[in-house]
Protein backbone atom coordinates (compact mmCIF):
# COMPACT_ATOMS: atom_id res chain seq x y z
CA MET A 1 101.70 87.56 88.84
CA THR A 2 98.71 88.31 86.59
CA ALA A 3 96.43 88.31 89.64
CA VAL A 4 98.77 90.72 91.42
CA LEU A 5 98.83 93.10 88.45
CA LYS A 6 95.02 93.07 88.26
CA PHE A 7 94.86 93.77 91.99
CA LEU A 8 97.30 96.67 91.72
CA LYS A 9 95.39 98.19 88.81
CA THR A 10 92.05 97.96 90.61
CA GLU A 11 93.47 99.35 93.85
CA ALA A 12 95.16 102.30 92.12
CA ALA A 13 92.01 103.31 90.25
CA GLY A 14 89.88 102.76 93.36
CA GLY A 15 92.20 105.01 95.34
CA LEU A 16 91.42 107.92 93.04
CA LEU A 17 87.68 107.38 93.55
CA ILE A 18 88.19 107.27 97.32
CA ALA A 19 90.07 110.59 97.16
CA LEU A 20 87.26 112.21 95.17
CA ALA A 21 84.62 110.87 97.57
CA ALA A 22 86.58 112.12 100.59
CA ALA A 23 87.03 115.56 99.03
CA ALA A 24 83.30 115.70 98.26
CA ALA A 25 82.49 114.77 101.88
CA ILE A 26 84.68 117.54 103.27
CA LEU A 27 83.16 120.10 100.89
CA VAL A 28 79.61 119.05 101.77
CA ALA A 29 80.33 119.01 105.52
CA ASN A 30 81.52 122.62 105.27
CA SER A 31 78.71 123.92 103.08
CA PRO A 32 75.03 124.78 103.54
CA LEU A 33 74.35 121.10 102.79
CA ALA A 34 76.03 120.03 106.05
CA SER A 35 72.81 119.59 108.03
CA GLY A 36 71.31 117.42 105.29
CA TYR A 37 74.53 115.39 105.08
CA ASN A 38 74.54 114.71 108.83
CA ALA A 39 70.84 113.86 108.81
CA TRP A 40 71.44 111.45 105.92
CA LEU A 41 74.12 109.64 107.91
CA LYS A 42 71.70 109.25 110.83
CA THR A 43 68.86 107.87 108.71
CA PRO A 44 67.52 104.76 110.51
CA LEU A 45 67.37 101.53 108.51
CA VAL A 46 65.90 98.23 109.69
CA LEU A 47 66.29 94.80 108.14
CA ASP A 48 63.34 92.65 109.22
CA LEU A 49 63.24 89.03 108.05
CA GLY A 50 60.54 88.02 110.50
CA PHE A 51 62.70 85.57 112.45
CA TRP A 52 65.55 88.10 112.74
CA GLN A 53 65.72 91.87 112.87
CA VAL A 54 68.67 94.23 112.86
CA GLY A 55 68.62 98.01 112.71
CA GLY A 56 70.88 101.03 112.88
CA ALA A 57 71.70 104.36 111.32
CA LEU A 58 72.84 104.53 107.71
CA LYS A 59 76.39 105.29 108.84
CA ASP A 60 76.39 102.11 110.94
CA TRP A 61 75.15 100.05 107.99
CA VAL A 62 78.01 101.39 105.89
CA LYS A 63 80.55 100.64 108.64
CA ASP A 64 79.26 97.20 109.66
CA GLY A 65 77.47 96.12 106.48
CA LEU A 66 79.10 97.42 103.31
CA MET A 67 82.56 97.41 104.86
CA ALA A 68 82.19 93.70 105.59
CA ILE A 69 82.48 93.25 101.81
CA PHE A 70 85.76 95.17 101.88
CA PHE A 71 87.07 92.96 104.67
CA TYR A 72 85.94 89.86 102.79
CA VAL A 73 88.10 90.98 99.87
CA ILE A 74 90.96 91.67 102.30
CA GLY A 75 90.55 88.11 103.60
CA LEU A 76 90.64 86.67 100.07
CA GLU A 77 93.74 88.72 99.34
CA LEU A 78 95.42 87.55 102.55
CA LYS A 79 94.57 83.92 101.78
CA ARG A 80 95.99 84.28 98.26
CA GLU A 81 99.18 85.90 99.52
CA LEU A 82 99.64 83.24 102.23
CA THR A 83 99.07 80.30 99.86
CA VAL A 84 100.47 81.29 96.48
CA GLY A 85 101.64 84.90 96.84
CA GLU A 86 104.53 86.79 98.36
CA LEU A 87 103.74 85.76 101.93
CA SER A 88 104.22 82.10 100.97
CA ASN A 89 107.87 82.68 100.06
CA PRO A 90 110.16 82.93 103.12
CA LYS A 91 112.94 84.45 101.02
CA THR A 92 110.92 87.51 99.99
CA VAL A 93 108.60 87.93 102.96
CA LEU A 94 111.09 89.06 105.63
CA LEU A 95 111.64 92.60 104.33
CA PRO A 96 108.00 93.73 103.96
CA VAL A 97 106.91 91.94 107.15
CA ALA A 98 109.63 93.65 109.17
CA ALA A 99 108.76 96.99 107.56
CA ALA A 100 105.07 96.47 108.38
CA PHE A 101 105.84 95.79 112.05
CA GLY A 102 108.03 98.88 112.26
CA GLY A 103 105.36 100.90 110.47
CA ALA A 104 102.84 99.82 113.10
CA LEU A 105 105.01 100.14 116.22
CA LEU A 106 106.45 103.63 115.69
CA PRO A 107 103.05 105.34 115.12
CA VAL A 108 101.76 103.77 118.34
CA LEU A 109 104.78 105.03 120.27
CA ILE A 110 104.52 108.52 118.79
CA TYR A 111 100.79 108.77 119.46
CA SER A 112 101.24 107.47 123.02
CA ALA A 113 104.06 109.93 123.73
CA TYR A 114 102.24 112.92 122.23
CA ALA A 115 98.56 112.31 122.94
CA GLY A 116 98.36 109.20 125.10
CA GLY A 117 97.91 111.26 128.24
CA VAL A 118 95.05 113.20 126.64
CA ASP A 119 93.12 110.25 125.24
CA PRO A 120 94.76 106.80 125.13
CA ARG A 121 91.87 105.32 123.08
CA GLY A 122 93.32 106.66 119.84
CA TRP A 123 96.57 104.69 119.75
CA PRO A 124 95.34 102.05 117.22
CA VAL A 125 94.18 104.67 114.70
CA PRO A 126 97.56 105.44 113.01
CA VAL A 127 98.56 101.76 112.75
CA ALA A 128 97.05 100.94 109.35
CA THR A 129 98.03 101.74 105.76
CA ASP A 130 95.41 102.31 103.07
CA ILE A 131 96.34 99.93 100.22
CA ALA A 132 94.21 101.64 97.60
CA PHE A 133 95.36 105.18 98.42
CA ALA A 134 99.03 104.23 98.80
CA LEU A 135 99.16 102.31 95.51
CA ALA A 136 97.28 105.06 93.68
CA ALA A 137 99.73 107.64 95.08
CA LEU A 138 102.73 105.54 94.04
CA ALA A 139 101.30 105.13 90.53
CA LEU A 140 100.86 108.91 90.21
CA ILE A 141 104.08 110.04 91.89
CA ALA A 142 106.44 107.40 90.54
CA PRO A 143 104.83 105.77 87.47
CA LYS A 144 108.18 104.31 86.39
CA ALA A 145 109.08 102.93 89.80
CA ASP A 146 110.73 99.54 90.06
CA PRO A 147 107.97 96.86 89.96
CA ARG A 148 109.60 95.30 93.02
CA LEU A 149 108.79 98.52 94.89
CA ARG A 150 105.09 98.16 94.11
CA LEU A 151 105.15 94.52 95.19
CA PHE A 152 106.95 95.50 98.40
CA LEU A 153 104.30 98.14 99.15
CA LEU A 154 101.47 95.72 98.39
CA THR A 155 102.91 92.97 100.61
CA LEU A 156 103.67 95.44 103.41
CA ALA A 157 100.11 96.81 103.26
CA VAL A 158 98.65 93.28 103.31
CA VAL A 159 100.59 92.46 106.49
CA ASP A 160 99.54 95.84 107.85
CA ASP A 161 95.88 94.95 107.22
CA LEU A 162 96.35 91.61 108.96
CA MET A 163 97.69 93.38 112.07
CA ALA A 164 94.79 95.85 111.96
CA ILE A 165 92.30 92.97 111.78
CA VAL A 166 93.95 91.34 114.81
CA LEU A 167 93.67 94.65 116.68
CA ILE A 168 89.99 94.93 115.78
CA ALA A 169 89.37 91.37 116.99
CA VAL A 170 91.21 91.91 120.29
CA LEU A 171 90.18 95.48 121.12
CA PHE A 172 86.70 95.90 119.72
CA THR A 173 84.96 92.60 120.37
CA ALA A 174 81.98 93.13 122.64
CA GLU A 175 80.65 90.65 125.17
CA LEU A 176 80.29 87.35 123.37
CA ALA A 177 77.06 85.48 122.74
CA TYR A 178 78.37 81.95 122.41
CA VAL A 179 75.48 80.24 120.60
CA PRO A 180 75.64 82.39 117.42
CA LEU A 181 79.44 82.46 117.64
CA PHE A 182 79.71 78.66 117.74
CA ALA A 183 77.06 78.40 115.02
CA ALA A 184 79.15 80.65 112.76
CA LEU A 185 82.35 78.74 113.48
CA ALA A 186 80.62 75.40 112.93
CA LEU A 187 79.23 76.56 109.58
CA LEU A 188 82.65 77.81 108.48
CA GLY A 189 84.30 74.58 109.59
CA LEU A 190 81.68 72.44 107.83
CA VAL A 191 82.00 74.27 104.51
CA TYR A 192 85.79 74.29 104.78
CA GLY A 193 85.84 70.54 105.34
CA LEU A 194 83.40 69.84 102.51
CA GLY A 195 85.44 72.05 100.21
CA ARG A 196 88.52 69.95 100.88
CA LEU A 197 86.64 66.72 100.14
CA ARG A 198 84.94 67.78 96.92
CA PRO A 199 84.58 70.87 94.71
CA LEU A 200 81.74 73.13 95.86
CA PRO A 201 79.96 75.72 93.67
CA MET A 202 81.57 79.13 93.95
CA TRP A 203 78.31 80.79 95.12
CA ILE A 204 78.39 78.69 98.30
CA TYR A 205 81.25 80.73 99.75
CA PRO A 206 79.76 84.26 99.53
CA ALA A 207 76.41 82.80 100.69
CA VAL A 208 78.13 81.40 103.79
CA ALA A 209 79.80 84.79 104.30
CA VAL A 210 76.38 86.49 104.36
CA ILE A 211 75.03 83.99 106.92
CA THR A 212 78.08 84.33 109.17
CA TRP A 213 77.77 88.13 108.90
CA GLY A 214 74.30 87.86 110.43
CA LEU A 215 75.57 85.51 113.13
CA SER A 216 78.45 87.86 113.91
CA LYS A 217 75.98 90.71 114.50
CA GLU A 218 74.40 88.54 117.19
CA SER A 219 77.62 87.09 118.61
CA GLY A 220 79.45 90.30 119.50
CA VAL A 221 82.41 89.53 117.23
CA HIS A 222 82.92 92.44 114.87
CA THR A 223 81.63 91.79 111.35
CA SER A 224 85.01 92.67 109.83
CA VAL A 225 86.70 89.81 111.69
CA MET A 226 84.02 87.30 110.69
CA ALA A 227 84.24 88.47 107.06
CA VAL A 228 87.97 87.69 107.01
CA ALA A 229 87.30 84.28 108.61
CA ALA A 230 84.67 83.54 105.94
CA ALA A 231 87.16 84.43 103.20
CA PHE A 232 89.79 82.11 104.65
CA ILE A 233 87.69 78.99 104.03
CA VAL A 234 87.76 79.59 100.25
CA PRO A 235 90.21 77.05 98.77
CA PRO A 236 92.89 77.94 96.19
CA ARG A 237 91.48 75.14 93.99
CA PRO A 238 92.63 75.41 90.36
CA ILE A 239 90.05 76.53 87.79
CA GLY A 240 91.19 76.17 84.24
CA SER A 241 94.85 76.54 83.36
CA ASP A 242 95.73 79.89 84.96
CA ASP A 243 93.20 80.65 87.72
CA THR A 244 91.95 79.42 91.08
CA LEU A 245 88.60 79.51 92.84
CA LEU A 246 90.11 81.94 95.32
CA GLY A 247 91.39 84.23 92.57
CA ARG A 248 88.15 84.03 90.58
CA LEU A 249 86.02 85.03 93.57
CA GLU A 250 88.36 87.91 94.40
CA HIS A 251 88.25 88.99 90.74
CA TYR A 252 84.44 89.21 90.86
CA ILE A 253 84.05 90.99 94.20
CA HIS A 254 87.12 93.23 94.32
CA PRO A 255 85.93 95.84 91.76
CA PHE A 256 82.65 96.31 93.66
CA SER A 257 84.62 96.79 96.87
CA ALA A 258 87.09 99.23 95.30
CA TYR A 259 84.69 101.22 93.13
CA VAL A 260 81.51 101.21 95.23
CA VAL A 261 82.02 100.18 98.87
CA LEU A 262 85.13 102.21 99.68
CA PRO A 263 84.01 105.46 97.97
CA ILE A 264 80.68 105.26 99.85
CA PHE A 265 82.57 104.67 103.10
CA ALA A 266 84.91 107.58 102.35
CA PHE A 267 81.95 109.87 101.68
CA SER A 268 80.25 108.84 104.92
CA ALA A 269 83.38 108.92 107.10
CA ALA A 270 85.47 111.86 105.86
CA GLY A 271 82.96 114.67 106.35
CA VAL A 272 84.79 116.69 108.99
CA SER A 273 83.45 120.15 109.72
CA LEU A 274 86.19 122.76 109.97
CA ALA A 275 83.89 125.39 111.44
CA GLY A 276 85.30 126.87 114.61
CA LEU A 277 88.54 124.93 114.26
CA LYS A 278 91.24 126.42 116.47
CA PRO A 279 95.04 126.06 116.22
CA GLN A 280 95.10 124.02 119.43
CA ASP A 281 92.74 121.53 117.82
CA ILE A 282 95.37 120.89 115.15
CA LEU A 283 98.54 121.11 117.23
CA ALA A 284 97.48 119.17 120.30
CA GLY A 285 95.52 116.13 121.42
CA VAL A 286 94.13 113.26 119.40
CA SER A 287 94.28 115.00 116.01
CA ALA A 288 97.95 115.85 116.27
CA GLY A 289 98.84 112.46 117.78
CA VAL A 290 97.19 110.57 114.93
CA ALA A 291 98.64 112.90 112.28
CA LEU A 292 102.19 112.64 113.65
CA GLY A 293 101.87 108.88 114.06
CA LEU A 294 100.97 108.50 110.39
CA ALA A 295 103.22 111.12 108.82
CA ILE A 296 106.31 110.67 111.01
CA GLY A 297 105.99 107.28 112.65
CA LYS A 298 105.21 105.33 109.48
CA PRO A 299 108.23 106.36 107.35
CA ILE A 300 110.65 106.08 110.29
CA GLY A 301 109.33 102.67 111.35
CA VAL A 302 109.17 101.25 107.81
CA THR A 303 112.66 102.48 106.91
CA LEU A 304 114.46 101.46 110.11
CA PHE A 305 112.90 98.00 110.36
CA ALA A 306 113.40 97.26 106.66
CA LEU A 307 117.07 98.27 106.88
CA ALA A 308 117.49 96.14 110.01
CA ALA A 309 115.89 93.14 108.30
CA ALA A 310 118.07 93.53 105.23
CA ARG A 311 121.16 93.73 107.42
CA LEU A 312 120.19 90.69 109.49
CA ALA A 313 119.46 88.67 106.36
CA ARG A 314 122.66 89.97 104.77
CA ASN A 315 120.78 90.86 101.62
CA PRO A 316 120.95 94.24 99.91
CA LEU A 317 117.78 96.26 99.47
CA PRO A 318 116.12 95.40 96.12
CA PHE A 319 115.64 99.13 95.54
CA SER A 320 117.29 102.37 96.64
CA LEU A 321 117.15 103.84 100.14
CA GLY A 322 115.42 106.91 98.70
CA GLN A 323 112.66 104.76 97.25
CA LEU A 324 112.28 102.95 100.57
CA ILE A 325 111.87 106.28 102.38
CA GLY A 326 109.35 107.40 99.76
CA VAL A 327 107.28 104.25 100.18
CA GLY A 328 107.51 104.63 103.95
CA CYS A 329 105.99 108.09 103.60
CA LEU A 330 103.16 106.74 101.45
CA CYS A 331 102.46 104.11 104.10
CA GLY A 332 101.34 107.02 106.28
CA ILE A 333 98.25 107.32 104.09
CA GLY A 334 96.06 105.42 106.50
CA PHE A 335 92.74 106.68 105.24
CA THR A 336 90.19 103.85 104.97
CA MET A 337 91.36 101.52 107.73
CA SER A 338 92.37 104.37 110.05
CA LEU A 339 88.97 106.03 109.72
CA PHE A 340 87.34 102.66 110.34
CA ILE A 341 89.39 101.99 113.48
CA GLY A 342 88.81 105.56 114.65
CA ALA A 343 85.06 105.04 114.42
CA LEU A 344 85.41 101.89 116.55
CA ALA A 345 87.84 103.42 119.06
CA PHE A 346 85.63 106.48 119.66
CA ASP A 347 82.26 104.80 119.21
CA GLY A 348 79.60 107.01 120.78
CA ASP A 349 82.03 109.91 121.30
CA VAL A 350 81.19 112.37 118.52
CA ALA A 351 83.91 114.87 119.46
CA GLY A 352 86.58 112.20 119.84
CA GLU A 353 85.74 110.59 116.51
CA ALA A 354 85.81 113.99 114.81
CA GLN A 355 89.30 114.63 116.21
CA ALA A 356 90.47 111.20 115.04
CA ARG A 357 89.06 111.85 111.55
CA LEU A 358 90.78 115.22 111.41
CA GLY A 359 94.04 113.58 112.44
CA VAL A 360 93.68 110.90 109.76
CA LEU A 361 92.99 113.52 107.09
CA MET A 362 95.93 115.69 108.20
CA GLY A 363 98.32 112.77 108.56
CA SER A 364 97.35 111.19 105.24
CA SER A 365 97.64 114.51 103.39
CA LEU A 366 101.02 115.24 104.95
CA SER A 367 102.20 111.71 104.14
CA LEU A 368 101.25 112.19 100.50
CA LEU A 369 103.19 115.47 100.40
CA LEU A 370 106.24 113.93 102.09
CA GLY A 371 106.10 110.99 99.68
CA LEU A 372 106.06 113.36 96.71
CA ILE A 373 109.06 115.26 98.13
CA ALA A 374 110.96 112.04 98.87
CA PHE A 375 110.54 110.64 95.36
CA ARG A 376 111.53 113.99 93.83
CA LEU A 377 114.54 114.70 96.05
CA LEU A 378 115.72 111.10 96.45
CA PRO A 379 115.51 109.63 92.95
CA PRO A 380 116.73 106.07 92.32
CA PRO A 381 120.37 105.73 91.33
CA LYS A 382 121.06 105.61 87.60
CA THR A 383 121.82 102.17 86.29
């Protein structure tokens, strides 16, 4: 439980930094500094080690390089939840897992119905929930909320991230180069096996993650997927009386991910220019489909599937229906992961990616507003 509380605290504070970075990006993109901002994102960077060279624009390095650290932390968090956390307990996992599936399915259906005929590529964008933003919003809107509500949101968002990672692996894996792919898998398998036979130094695991990142760039498998795979080989081996190797590594890397990586990504990804924006750009097409998927699909899907799961299990909700609806609204804050998936879905299509980003910003903002209204108008019953 101590590890969970630390995670919640870091995520909530990190969410505020992400919000500030996103606001700064929007202001800069709509100011005289816009040309410099766009040129900065396109700055070419090359890593040349002699035997291996990789290059790309600064924005690509943020998306495929820095964000690999974020996904490594997500992988550590998933491994912890699956081994010693909420996802390891069948009695408590049904409700948030069902809610996560509903919160993924309904946005896809809404996007497909509203904008699928215009551009079907955008359907994965409103699937994901931003853990940091959602937890930060819950901490600000309902600081005295039932702790079980925070744990429900955290578990739901973890499952949500897992589904998003599966989507990335299935939809955005390029043609495979099998030699580097098998080399990466062999390295992961070797270190995993050695770690089960004897304790390995903690630095071995992030070092292996860096090597497999390089191999993933050559293999065609997206770096985010390989980062999660590298995190999964870290064992939950006890360290001391109240910690594990898995928890210790997450404790060291998570603050850098929350306070540095995600704000930089938000600043590089949220800079949408509003110049020349027309009403039809907001009310139709990809932008509206993504926004409606997040703001409407998420709360409906989360609420209906959670209620169905509680009814099937014949267990009452551990919190009020009003709180469930409020959390469902906050799940529509899909900022980080949605922007990331949008960049993959519309890779090379500047206009399409801009519409997806606008939809994410609109949907996330509306979700925050609806969450605030829900928690104010649907307070928990007095005990």
